[in-house]
Amino acid sequence: MVRILTALALLAASASTPLAAQETQTAIFAGGCFWCVESDFDRVPGVTATVSGYSGGELENPTYRNHTGHREVVRIEFDPSKTSYRALVDIFFRSVDPTDAGGQFCDRGHAYTTAVYALDDQQKTAAENAKADAQAELGRPIVTPVEPAGAFWEAEAYHQDYYRKNPLRYKYYRYACGRDDRVEELWGKAAHRGIPAH
């Protein structure tokens, strides 16, 4: 009887939750400017949502003006029936300069350094394998750490979808920062290059 009631409770819970929500999984990457990471991943098939934020530090309720110890990160929701976590990590490494320990492109300092924040052991293993493969491909050390995910703090509203809301400013920033040129220089044809917002 207990098993039947438990099964019925699970069925009821699943019926009240949209199917898409049940199937969505999450990845969290720090790849320098979160505007650019959002732009890069919004165009990946299977990605359903991206949210800019802060993670990795001790500070509670960080803001753009004060996020000491945190990195700029993007929380990526994806449909695992259309893409895998490993595929997203592979794309991530090829959209940044994972050999740079001081920041990314024109943005310098800890807040702009790269990291993969794993939400479980499976993600940790997949990320470490992807890192090893990327390092072998480049033939040089990759400094991007794979760390356990901690608290994620959503960034201010004006940072969300910045590349869509401010396309001209965003295009100029990305070009002037040299992001795409460096990624292409490093990765060649394997580079995952962001496309300008329309």
N, C-alpha and C. Protein backbone atom coordinates (compact mmCIF):
# COMPACT_ATOMS: atom_id res chain seq x y z
N MET A 1 0.82 -1.21 0.00
CA MET A 1 0.00 0.00 0.00
C MET A 1 0.86 1.27 0.00
N VAL A 2 1.93 1.25 0.83
CA VAL A 2 2.82 2.40 0.90
C VAL A 2 3.47 2.65 -0.45
N ARG A 3 3.88 1.57 -1.12
CA ARG A 3 4.50 1.71 -2.44
C ARG A 3 3.53 2.31 -3.44
N ILE A 4 2.28 1.89 -3.39
CA ILE A 4 1.27 2.41 -4.31
C ILE A 4 1.05 3.89 -4.06
N LEU A 5 0.93 4.28 -2.79
CA LEU A 5 0.73 5.69 -2.44
C LEU A 5 1.93 6.53 -2.88
N THR A 6 3.14 5.99 -2.68
CA THR A 6 4.34 6.71 -3.10
C THR A 6 4.36 6.90 -4.60
N ALA A 7 4.01 5.84 -5.33
CA ALA A 7 3.97 5.92 -6.79
C ALA A 7 2.93 6.93 -7.25
N LEU A 8 1.76 6.92 -6.59
CA LEU A 8 0.71 7.89 -6.95
C LEU A 8 1.17 9.31 -6.66
N ALA A 9 1.86 9.51 -5.54
CA ALA A 9 2.37 10.84 -5.19
C ALA A 9 3.37 11.32 -6.24
N LEU A 10 4.25 10.41 -6.68
CA LEU A 10 5.23 10.77 -7.71
C LEU A 10 4.56 11.11 -9.03
N LEU A 11 3.54 10.33 -9.39
CA LEU A 11 2.79 10.62 -10.62
C LEU A 11 2.09 11.97 -10.54
N ALA A 12 1.50 12.25 -9.39
CA ALA A 12 0.82 13.53 -9.21
C ALA A 12 1.81 14.69 -9.31
N ALA A 13 2.97 14.51 -8.70
CA ALA A 13 3.99 15.57 -8.75
C ALA A 13 4.46 15.78 -10.18
N SER A 14 4.67 14.68 -10.91
CA SER A 14 5.15 14.83 -12.28
C SER A 14 4.08 15.42 -13.18
N ALA A 15 2.81 15.15 -12.90
CA ALA A 15 1.73 15.70 -13.71
C ALA A 15 1.60 17.20 -13.52
N SER A 16 1.95 17.68 -12.30
CA SER A 16 1.81 19.11 -12.04
C SER A 16 3.03 19.91 -12.48
N THR A 17 4.10 19.20 -12.89
CA THR A 17 5.32 19.87 -13.35
C THR A 17 5.44 19.73 -14.85
N PRO A 18 5.64 20.83 -15.59
CA PRO A 18 5.77 20.72 -17.04
C PRO A 18 6.91 19.78 -17.42
N LEU A 19 6.70 19.02 -18.48
CA LEU A 19 7.69 18.04 -18.93
C LEU A 19 9.03 18.71 -19.21
N ALA A 20 9.04 19.88 -19.84
CA ALA A 20 10.28 20.58 -20.18
C ALA A 20 11.08 20.90 -18.92
N ALA A 21 10.35 21.29 -17.86
CA ALA A 21 11.03 21.65 -16.62
C ALA A 21 11.72 20.44 -16.00
N GLN A 22 11.08 19.25 -16.11
CA GLN A 22 11.67 18.04 -15.57
C GLN A 22 12.96 17.69 -16.30
N GLU A 23 13.00 17.96 -17.60
CA GLU A 23 14.12 17.52 -18.42
C GLU A 23 15.27 18.52 -18.47
N THR A 24 15.05 19.71 -18.01
CA THR A 24 16.10 20.72 -18.07
C THR A 24 17.21 20.43 -17.07
N GLN A 25 18.45 20.61 -17.50
CA GLN A 25 19.61 20.49 -16.61
C GLN A 25 20.36 21.81 -16.63
N THR A 26 21.32 21.93 -15.71
CA THR A 26 22.02 23.20 -15.51
C THR A 26 23.53 23.03 -15.61
N ALA A 27 24.17 24.02 -16.22
CA ALA A 27 25.63 24.14 -16.24
C ALA A 27 25.98 25.54 -15.78
N ILE A 28 27.12 25.70 -15.11
CA ILE A 28 27.57 27.03 -14.68
C ILE A 28 29.03 27.21 -15.09
N PHE A 29 29.26 28.23 -15.93
CA PHE A 29 30.60 28.52 -16.44
C PHE A 29 30.99 29.96 -16.17
N ALA A 30 32.26 30.16 -15.83
CA ALA A 30 32.85 31.50 -15.74
C ALA A 30 33.78 31.64 -16.93
N GLY A 31 33.47 32.60 -17.80
CA GLY A 31 34.27 32.74 -19.02
C GLY A 31 34.61 34.19 -19.34
N GLY A 32 34.94 34.95 -18.29
CA GLY A 32 35.16 36.37 -18.51
C GLY A 32 33.84 37.10 -18.47
N CYS A 33 33.70 38.12 -19.28
CA CYS A 33 32.48 38.94 -19.31
C CYS A 33 31.23 38.08 -19.50
N PHE A 34 30.30 38.18 -18.56
CA PHE A 34 29.12 37.33 -18.66
C PHE A 34 28.21 37.71 -19.83
N TRP A 35 28.28 38.95 -20.30
CA TRP A 35 27.50 39.30 -21.50
C TRP A 35 27.89 38.40 -22.66
N CYS A 36 29.19 38.18 -22.81
CA CYS A 36 29.71 37.40 -23.94
C CYS A 36 29.39 35.93 -23.80
N VAL A 37 29.45 35.41 -22.58
CA VAL A 37 29.13 34.00 -22.37
C VAL A 37 27.66 33.76 -22.67
N GLU A 38 26.80 34.68 -22.24
CA GLU A 38 25.37 34.59 -22.59
C GLU A 38 25.19 34.55 -24.10
N SER A 39 25.81 35.49 -24.78
CA SER A 39 25.69 35.58 -26.24
C SER A 39 26.17 34.30 -26.91
N ASP A 40 27.29 33.76 -26.46
CA ASP A 40 27.84 32.54 -27.05
C ASP A 40 26.92 31.34 -26.87
N PHE A 41 26.33 31.21 -25.69
CA PHE A 41 25.54 30.01 -25.40
C PHE A 41 24.07 30.12 -25.79
N ASP A 42 23.55 31.31 -25.92
CA ASP A 42 22.16 31.44 -26.35
C ASP A 42 21.93 30.88 -27.75
N ARG A 43 22.98 30.81 -28.54
CA ARG A 43 22.82 30.30 -29.91
C ARG A 43 23.17 28.82 -30.05
N VAL A 44 23.46 28.15 -28.94
CA VAL A 44 23.77 26.72 -29.00
C VAL A 44 22.47 25.91 -28.97
N PRO A 45 22.25 25.05 -29.95
CA PRO A 45 21.03 24.22 -29.95
C PRO A 45 20.92 23.40 -28.67
N GLY A 46 19.74 23.42 -28.08
CA GLY A 46 19.51 22.69 -26.83
C GLY A 46 19.57 23.56 -25.60
N VAL A 47 20.18 24.74 -25.71
CA VAL A 47 20.21 25.68 -24.58
C VAL A 47 18.86 26.39 -24.53
N THR A 48 18.22 26.35 -23.37
CA THR A 48 16.89 26.94 -23.24
C THR A 48 16.88 28.28 -22.52
N ALA A 49 17.91 28.56 -21.73
CA ALA A 49 17.97 29.84 -21.01
C ALA A 49 19.38 30.08 -20.49
N THR A 50 19.74 31.35 -20.39
CA THR A 50 21.01 31.75 -19.76
C THR A 50 20.74 32.89 -18.80
N VAL A 51 21.44 32.88 -17.67
CA VAL A 51 21.30 33.93 -16.66
C VAL A 51 22.68 34.35 -16.19
N SER A 52 22.98 35.63 -16.27
CA SER A 52 24.26 36.14 -15.78
C SER A 52 24.22 36.27 -14.26
N GLY A 53 25.38 36.03 -13.63
CA GLY A 53 25.43 36.15 -12.18
C GLY A 53 26.85 36.11 -11.65
N TYR A 54 26.94 35.85 -10.36
CA TYR A 54 28.22 35.80 -9.65
C TYR A 54 28.29 34.51 -8.84
N SER A 55 29.47 33.92 -8.77
CA SER A 55 29.64 32.71 -7.98
C SER A 55 31.12 32.51 -7.64
N GLY A 56 31.35 31.64 -6.67
CA GLY A 56 32.71 31.27 -6.32
C GLY A 56 33.31 32.01 -5.14
N GLY A 57 32.63 33.02 -4.65
CA GLY A 57 33.17 33.80 -3.55
C GLY A 57 32.39 33.62 -2.27
N GLU A 58 32.82 34.31 -1.23
CA GLU A 58 32.19 34.20 0.09
C GLU A 58 31.16 35.31 0.34
N LEU A 59 31.26 36.39 -0.40
CA LEU A 59 30.40 37.55 -0.16
C LEU A 59 28.93 37.23 -0.42
N GLU A 60 28.09 37.61 0.54
CA GLU A 60 26.64 37.43 0.38
C GLU A 60 26.07 38.58 -0.46
N ASN A 61 25.10 38.27 -1.29
CA ASN A 61 24.42 39.26 -2.12
C ASN A 61 25.38 40.18 -2.87
N PRO A 62 26.29 39.61 -3.66
CA PRO A 62 27.23 40.44 -4.41
C PRO A 62 26.51 41.29 -5.45
N THR A 63 27.12 42.40 -5.81
CA THR A 63 26.60 43.28 -6.86
C THR A 63 27.73 43.53 -7.86
N TYR A 64 27.39 44.17 -8.96
CA TYR A 64 28.42 44.46 -9.95
C TYR A 64 29.49 45.37 -9.37
N ARG A 65 29.10 46.28 -8.50
CA ARG A 65 30.06 47.20 -7.89
C ARG A 65 30.87 46.54 -6.78
N ASN A 66 30.33 45.46 -6.22
CA ASN A 66 31.04 44.77 -5.13
C ASN A 66 30.77 43.27 -5.20
N HIS A 67 31.63 42.57 -5.94
CA HIS A 67 31.53 41.11 -5.97
C HIS A 67 32.90 40.48 -5.70
N THR A 68 33.60 41.08 -4.74
CA THR A 68 34.93 40.62 -4.36
C THR A 68 34.94 39.13 -4.07
N GLY A 69 35.87 38.42 -4.71
CA GLY A 69 36.01 36.99 -4.50
C GLY A 69 35.19 36.15 -5.46
N HIS A 70 34.18 36.74 -6.06
CA HIS A 70 33.33 36.02 -7.01
C HIS A 70 33.86 36.18 -8.43
N ARG A 71 33.47 35.26 -9.28
CA ARG A 71 33.69 35.40 -10.72
C ARG A 71 32.36 35.77 -11.37
N GLU A 72 32.43 36.43 -12.51
CA GLU A 72 31.24 36.59 -13.35
C GLU A 72 30.97 35.23 -13.97
N VAL A 73 29.74 34.76 -13.85
CA VAL A 73 29.38 33.44 -14.36
C VAL A 73 28.06 33.52 -15.13
N VAL A 74 27.78 32.45 -15.86
CA VAL A 74 26.49 32.30 -16.51
C VAL A 74 25.93 30.93 -16.16
N ARG A 75 24.68 30.93 -15.68
CA ARG A 75 23.95 29.69 -15.43
C ARG A 75 23.21 29.34 -16.71
N ILE A 76 23.48 28.17 -17.23
CA ILE A 76 22.92 27.74 -18.51
C ILE A 76 21.95 26.59 -18.27
N GLU A 77 20.71 26.78 -18.71
CA GLU A 77 19.73 25.69 -18.66
C GLU A 77 19.70 25.04 -20.04
N PHE A 78 19.70 23.71 -20.06
CA PHE A 78 19.71 23.03 -21.35
C PHE A 78 18.87 21.76 -21.32
N ASP A 79 18.46 21.36 -22.51
CA ASP A 79 17.65 20.17 -22.71
C ASP A 79 18.59 19.02 -23.06
N PRO A 80 18.78 18.05 -22.15
CA PRO A 80 19.74 16.98 -22.40
C PRO A 80 19.36 16.04 -23.54
N SER A 81 18.12 16.15 -24.03
CA SER A 81 17.75 15.35 -25.19
C SER A 81 18.26 15.98 -26.49
N LYS A 82 18.72 17.24 -26.38
CA LYS A 82 19.21 17.96 -27.57
C LYS A 82 20.71 18.25 -27.51
N THR A 83 21.26 18.33 -26.32
CA THR A 83 22.70 18.52 -26.17
C THR A 83 23.12 17.91 -24.84
N SER A 84 24.40 17.64 -24.68
CA SER A 84 24.89 17.04 -23.44
C SER A 84 25.72 18.05 -22.66
N TYR A 85 25.89 17.77 -21.38
CA TYR A 85 26.76 18.62 -20.56
C TYR A 85 28.17 18.61 -21.13
N ARG A 86 28.66 17.43 -21.51
CA ARG A 86 30.01 17.35 -22.06
C ARG A 86 30.15 18.21 -23.31
N ALA A 87 29.14 18.20 -24.18
CA ALA A 87 29.20 19.04 -25.39
C ALA A 87 29.28 20.51 -25.01
N LEU A 88 28.55 20.92 -23.98
CA LEU A 88 28.58 22.32 -23.55
C LEU A 88 29.95 22.69 -22.97
N VAL A 89 30.56 21.78 -22.22
CA VAL A 89 31.89 22.07 -21.68
C VAL A 89 32.91 22.19 -22.81
N ASP A 90 32.79 21.32 -23.82
CA ASP A 90 33.69 21.41 -24.98
C ASP A 90 33.55 22.77 -25.67
N ILE A 91 32.31 23.22 -25.85
CA ILE A 91 32.06 24.52 -26.46
C ILE A 91 32.63 25.63 -25.58
N PHE A 92 32.41 25.51 -24.26
CA PHE A 92 32.93 26.52 -23.34
C PHE A 92 34.43 26.71 -23.50
N PHE A 93 35.19 25.60 -23.45
CA PHE A 93 36.64 25.73 -23.55
C PHE A 93 37.06 26.41 -24.85
N ARG A 94 36.31 26.17 -25.92
CA ARG A 94 36.67 26.71 -27.23
C ARG A 94 36.08 28.09 -27.49
N SER A 95 35.45 28.67 -26.46
CA SER A 95 34.92 30.03 -26.57
C SER A 95 35.68 31.01 -25.68
N VAL A 96 36.72 30.50 -25.00
CA VAL A 96 37.52 31.33 -24.09
C VAL A 96 39.00 31.05 -24.33
N ASP A 97 39.85 31.77 -23.58
CA ASP A 97 41.29 31.47 -23.56
C ASP A 97 41.58 30.81 -22.22
N PRO A 98 41.51 29.48 -22.15
CA PRO A 98 41.69 28.79 -20.87
C PRO A 98 43.15 28.69 -20.44
N THR A 99 44.04 29.33 -21.20
CA THR A 99 45.46 29.35 -20.81
C THR A 99 45.81 30.63 -20.05
N ASP A 100 44.87 31.54 -19.91
CA ASP A 100 45.11 32.85 -19.30
C ASP A 100 44.63 32.84 -17.85
N ALA A 101 45.57 32.92 -16.92
CA ALA A 101 45.22 32.89 -15.49
C ALA A 101 44.89 34.27 -14.93
N GLY A 102 45.05 35.33 -15.73
CA GLY A 102 44.87 36.68 -15.21
C GLY A 102 43.56 37.36 -15.56
N GLY A 103 42.70 36.67 -16.28
CA GLY A 103 41.44 37.26 -16.72
C GLY A 103 41.13 36.77 -18.12
N GLN A 104 40.29 37.50 -18.82
CA GLN A 104 39.95 37.14 -20.19
C GLN A 104 39.99 38.38 -21.07
N PHE A 105 40.87 38.31 -22.09
CA PHE A 105 40.94 39.34 -23.11
C PHE A 105 41.25 40.69 -22.46
N CYS A 106 40.44 41.72 -22.66
CA CYS A 106 40.76 43.03 -22.07
C CYS A 106 40.32 43.14 -20.62
N ASP A 107 39.55 42.18 -20.13
CA ASP A 107 39.06 42.22 -18.74
C ASP A 107 40.02 41.44 -17.85
N ARG A 108 40.63 42.13 -16.90
CA ARG A 108 41.66 41.53 -16.06
C ARG A 108 41.18 41.40 -14.62
N GLY A 109 41.77 40.47 -13.91
CA GLY A 109 41.44 40.28 -12.51
C GLY A 109 40.65 39.00 -12.28
N HIS A 110 40.59 38.59 -11.00
CA HIS A 110 39.96 37.33 -10.63
C HIS A 110 38.52 37.20 -11.13
N ALA A 111 37.76 38.28 -11.06
CA ALA A 111 36.34 38.22 -11.44
C ALA A 111 36.15 37.76 -12.88
N TYR A 112 37.18 37.93 -13.71
CA TYR A 112 37.07 37.60 -15.13
C TYR A 112 37.84 36.33 -15.50
N THR A 113 38.34 35.60 -14.50
CA THR A 113 39.03 34.36 -14.81
C THR A 113 38.03 33.26 -15.11
N THR A 114 38.51 32.22 -15.78
CA THR A 114 37.64 31.13 -16.19
C THR A 114 37.51 30.06 -15.11
N ALA A 115 36.38 29.37 -15.11
CA ALA A 115 36.15 28.24 -14.21
C ALA A 115 34.95 27.46 -14.70
N VAL A 116 34.94 26.18 -14.38
CA VAL A 116 33.76 25.34 -14.58
C VAL A 116 33.28 24.97 -13.18
N TYR A 117 32.02 25.28 -12.88
CA TYR A 117 31.44 24.95 -11.59
C TYR A 117 30.55 23.72 -11.75
N ALA A 118 31.02 22.59 -11.25
CA ALA A 118 30.30 21.33 -11.41
C ALA A 118 29.24 21.17 -10.33
N LEU A 119 28.04 20.76 -10.74
CA LEU A 119 26.94 20.59 -9.80
C LEU A 119 26.88 19.19 -9.19
N ASP A 120 27.61 18.24 -9.76
CA ASP A 120 27.65 16.89 -9.20
C ASP A 120 28.89 16.17 -9.71
N ASP A 121 29.07 14.94 -9.24
CA ASP A 121 30.26 14.17 -9.62
C ASP A 121 30.31 13.87 -11.11
N GLN A 122 29.16 13.64 -11.73
CA GLN A 122 29.13 13.37 -13.17
C GLN A 122 29.62 14.57 -13.95
N GLN A 123 29.17 15.76 -13.55
CA GLN A 123 29.63 16.97 -14.23
C GLN A 123 31.13 17.18 -13.99
N LYS A 124 31.58 16.91 -12.78
CA LYS A 124 33.00 17.07 -12.47
C LYS A 124 33.86 16.18 -13.36
N THR A 125 33.46 14.92 -13.49
CA THR A 125 34.21 13.98 -14.34
C THR A 125 34.19 14.42 -15.79
N ALA A 126 33.01 14.81 -16.28
CA ALA A 126 32.88 15.25 -17.67
C ALA A 126 33.73 16.49 -17.93
N ALA A 127 33.72 17.42 -16.98
CA ALA A 127 34.49 18.66 -17.15
C ALA A 127 35.99 18.39 -17.11
N GLU A 128 36.43 17.53 -16.22
CA GLU A 128 37.85 17.20 -16.13
C GLU A 128 38.33 16.48 -17.39
N ASN A 129 37.49 15.60 -17.93
CA ASN A 129 37.84 14.92 -19.18
C ASN A 129 37.90 15.90 -20.35
N ALA A 130 36.94 16.82 -20.39
CA ALA A 130 36.93 17.84 -21.45
C ALA A 130 38.17 18.74 -21.34
N LYS A 131 38.54 19.08 -20.11
CA LYS A 131 39.72 19.91 -19.89
C LYS A 131 40.98 19.18 -20.37
N ALA A 132 41.10 17.90 -20.05
CA ALA A 132 42.26 17.12 -20.48
C ALA A 132 42.33 17.04 -22.00
N ASP A 133 41.19 16.84 -22.64
CA ASP A 133 41.17 16.77 -24.10
C ASP A 133 41.52 18.11 -24.73
N ALA A 134 41.01 19.19 -24.14
CA ALA A 134 41.32 20.53 -24.66
C ALA A 134 42.80 20.84 -24.50
N GLN A 135 43.37 20.43 -23.37
CA GLN A 135 44.80 20.66 -23.12
C GLN A 135 45.65 19.89 -24.13
N ALA A 136 45.24 18.66 -24.42
CA ALA A 136 45.97 17.86 -25.41
C ALA A 136 45.87 18.49 -26.79
N GLU A 137 44.70 19.03 -27.11
CA GLU A 137 44.49 19.67 -28.41
C GLU A 137 45.36 20.92 -28.56
N LEU A 138 45.44 21.71 -27.49
CA LEU A 138 46.23 22.94 -27.54
C LEU A 138 47.73 22.68 -27.38
N GLY A 139 48.07 21.62 -26.66
CA GLY A 139 49.48 21.33 -26.41
C GLY A 139 50.11 22.29 -25.42
N ARG A 140 49.29 22.83 -24.54
CA ARG A 140 49.79 23.74 -23.50
C ARG A 140 48.87 23.65 -22.28
N PRO A 141 49.35 24.06 -21.10
CA PRO A 141 48.54 23.92 -19.88
C PRO A 141 47.28 24.77 -19.91
N ILE A 142 46.20 24.18 -19.43
CA ILE A 142 44.94 24.91 -19.24
C ILE A 142 44.82 25.21 -17.76
N VAL A 143 44.58 26.47 -17.43
CA VAL A 143 44.55 26.90 -16.03
C VAL A 143 43.13 26.97 -15.47
N THR A 144 42.13 26.75 -16.30
CA THR A 144 40.74 26.81 -15.86
C THR A 144 40.48 25.73 -14.81
N PRO A 145 40.09 26.10 -13.58
CA PRO A 145 39.79 25.09 -12.58
C PRO A 145 38.40 24.49 -12.77
N VAL A 146 38.24 23.25 -12.34
CA VAL A 146 36.92 22.62 -12.23
C VAL A 146 36.64 22.56 -10.74
N GLU A 147 35.62 23.31 -10.30
CA GLU A 147 35.33 23.44 -8.87
C GLU A 147 33.89 23.07 -8.57
N PRO A 148 33.61 22.66 -7.35
CA PRO A 148 32.21 22.38 -6.98
C PRO A 148 31.40 23.68 -7.02
N ALA A 149 30.19 23.58 -7.54
CA ALA A 149 29.32 24.76 -7.60
C ALA A 149 28.88 25.16 -6.19
N GLY A 150 28.91 26.45 -5.94
CA GLY A 150 28.40 26.99 -4.69
C GLY A 150 27.17 27.83 -4.97
N ALA A 151 26.95 28.82 -4.15
CA ALA A 151 25.80 29.70 -4.33
C ALA A 151 25.93 30.48 -5.64
N PHE A 152 24.82 30.62 -6.34
CA PHE A 152 24.74 31.44 -7.54
C PHE A 152 23.90 32.66 -7.22
N TRP A 153 24.46 33.83 -7.49
CA TRP A 153 23.75 35.08 -7.24
C TRP A 153 23.45 35.74 -8.58
N GLU A 154 22.18 35.94 -8.86
CA GLU A 154 21.79 36.54 -10.14
C GLU A 154 22.24 37.98 -10.22
N ALA A 155 22.80 38.35 -11.37
CA ALA A 155 23.26 39.72 -11.59
C ALA A 155 22.07 40.66 -11.79
N GLU A 156 22.36 41.94 -11.73
CA GLU A 156 21.35 42.96 -11.90
C GLU A 156 20.63 42.82 -13.25
N ALA A 157 19.38 43.29 -13.29
CA ALA A 157 18.54 43.11 -14.48
C ALA A 157 19.18 43.71 -15.74
N TYR A 158 19.90 44.82 -15.61
CA TYR A 158 20.46 45.45 -16.81
C TYR A 158 21.58 44.63 -17.44
N HIS A 159 22.12 43.66 -16.69
CA HIS A 159 23.13 42.78 -17.27
C HIS A 159 22.52 41.61 -18.05
N GLN A 160 21.29 41.26 -17.75
CA GLN A 160 20.66 40.12 -18.41
C GLN A 160 20.36 40.47 -19.87
N ASP A 161 20.76 39.59 -20.79
CA ASP A 161 20.53 39.80 -22.24
C ASP A 161 21.09 41.13 -22.71
N TYR A 162 22.20 41.55 -22.13
CA TYR A 162 22.77 42.86 -22.49
C TYR A 162 23.03 42.95 -23.98
N TYR A 163 23.52 41.87 -24.57
CA TYR A 163 23.87 41.91 -25.99
C TYR A 163 22.65 42.12 -26.88
N ARG A 164 21.48 41.75 -26.39
CA ARG A 164 20.25 41.98 -27.16
C ARG A 164 19.70 43.39 -26.93
N LYS A 165 19.78 43.85 -25.69
CA LYS A 165 19.23 45.15 -25.33
C LYS A 165 20.08 46.31 -25.84
N ASN A 166 21.39 46.09 -25.94
CA ASN A 166 22.33 47.14 -26.33
C ASN A 166 23.27 46.62 -27.42
N PRO A 167 22.71 46.25 -28.59
CA PRO A 167 23.53 45.57 -29.60
C PRO A 167 24.73 46.36 -30.09
N LEU A 168 24.60 47.67 -30.30
CA LEU A 168 25.74 48.43 -30.81
C LEU A 168 26.85 48.54 -29.78
N ARG A 169 26.49 48.84 -28.53
CA ARG A 169 27.49 48.92 -27.47
C ARG A 169 28.16 47.57 -27.26
N TYR A 170 27.34 46.52 -27.30
CA TYR A 170 27.90 45.18 -27.08
C TYR A 170 28.86 44.81 -28.20
N LYS A 171 28.48 45.03 -29.44
CA LYS A 171 29.36 44.68 -30.57
C LYS A 171 30.69 45.43 -30.47
N TYR A 172 30.61 46.73 -30.12
CA TYR A 172 31.83 47.52 -30.00
C TYR A 172 32.71 46.98 -28.88
N TYR A 173 32.09 46.70 -27.72
CA TYR A 173 32.84 46.17 -26.58
C TYR A 173 33.54 44.87 -26.97
N ARG A 174 32.80 43.95 -27.56
CA ARG A 174 33.37 42.64 -27.88
C ARG A 174 34.51 42.77 -28.89
N TYR A 175 34.32 43.62 -29.88
CA TYR A 175 35.37 43.82 -30.89
C TYR A 175 36.60 44.48 -30.25
N ALA A 176 36.37 45.55 -29.48
CA ALA A 176 37.49 46.29 -28.89
C ALA A 176 38.25 45.44 -27.86
N CYS A 177 37.55 44.53 -27.22
CA CYS A 177 38.18 43.68 -26.21
C CYS A 177 39.02 42.57 -26.85
N GLY A 178 38.82 42.31 -28.13
CA GLY A 178 39.63 41.32 -28.83
C GLY A 178 39.27 39.87 -28.54
N ARG A 179 38.07 39.65 -28.06
CA ARG A 179 37.67 38.30 -27.66
C ARG A 179 37.70 37.32 -28.84
N ASP A 180 37.00 37.65 -29.90
CA ASP A 180 36.90 36.72 -31.02
C ASP A 180 38.25 36.49 -31.71
N ASP A 181 39.03 37.55 -31.85
CA ASP A 181 40.35 37.40 -32.48
C ASP A 181 41.23 36.43 -31.69
N ARG A 182 41.23 36.57 -30.36
CA ARG A 182 42.07 35.70 -29.54
C ARG A 182 41.58 34.25 -29.56
N VAL A 183 40.26 34.07 -29.49
CA VAL A 183 39.72 32.71 -29.51
C VAL A 183 40.06 32.02 -30.83
N GLU A 184 39.95 32.77 -31.94
CA GLU A 184 40.29 32.19 -33.24
C GLU A 184 41.79 31.91 -33.36
N GLU A 185 42.60 32.82 -32.82
CA GLU A 185 44.05 32.62 -32.84
C GLU A 185 44.44 31.35 -32.08
N LEU A 186 43.78 31.14 -30.95
CA LEU A 186 44.11 30.01 -30.08
C LEU A 186 43.56 28.69 -30.61
N TRP A 187 42.30 28.69 -31.04
CA TRP A 187 41.61 27.45 -31.37
C TRP A 187 41.48 27.17 -32.87
N GLY A 188 41.73 28.17 -33.70
CA GLY A 188 41.60 27.96 -35.14
C GLY A 188 40.18 27.60 -35.54
N LYS A 189 40.04 26.59 -36.38
CA LYS A 189 38.70 26.20 -36.87
C LYS A 189 37.82 25.63 -35.77
N ALA A 190 38.41 25.20 -34.67
CA ALA A 190 37.62 24.64 -33.56
C ALA A 190 37.00 25.73 -32.69
N ALA A 191 37.36 26.99 -32.92
CA ALA A 191 36.86 28.08 -32.08
C ALA A 191 35.34 28.18 -32.13
N HIS A 192 34.76 28.43 -30.98
CA HIS A 192 33.32 28.73 -30.91
C HIS A 192 33.23 30.24 -30.78
N ARG A 193 32.97 30.89 -31.89
CA ARG A 193 33.00 32.34 -31.94
C ARG A 193 31.59 32.91 -31.80
N GLY A 194 31.46 33.90 -30.95
CA GLY A 194 30.18 34.56 -30.78
C GLY A 194 29.82 35.35 -32.03
N ILE A 195 28.55 35.36 -32.37
CA ILE A 195 28.10 36.14 -33.51
C ILE A 195 27.49 37.44 -33.03
N PRO A 196 27.62 38.51 -33.79
CA PRO A 196 27.05 39.79 -33.35
C PRO A 196 25.53 39.69 -33.20
N ALA A 197 25.02 40.45 -32.23
CA ALA A 197 23.57 40.51 -32.06
C ALA A 197 22.95 41.27 -33.22
N HIS A 198 21.76 40.88 -33.62
CA HIS A 198 21.05 41.55 -34.73
C HIS A 198 20.07 42.58 -34.18
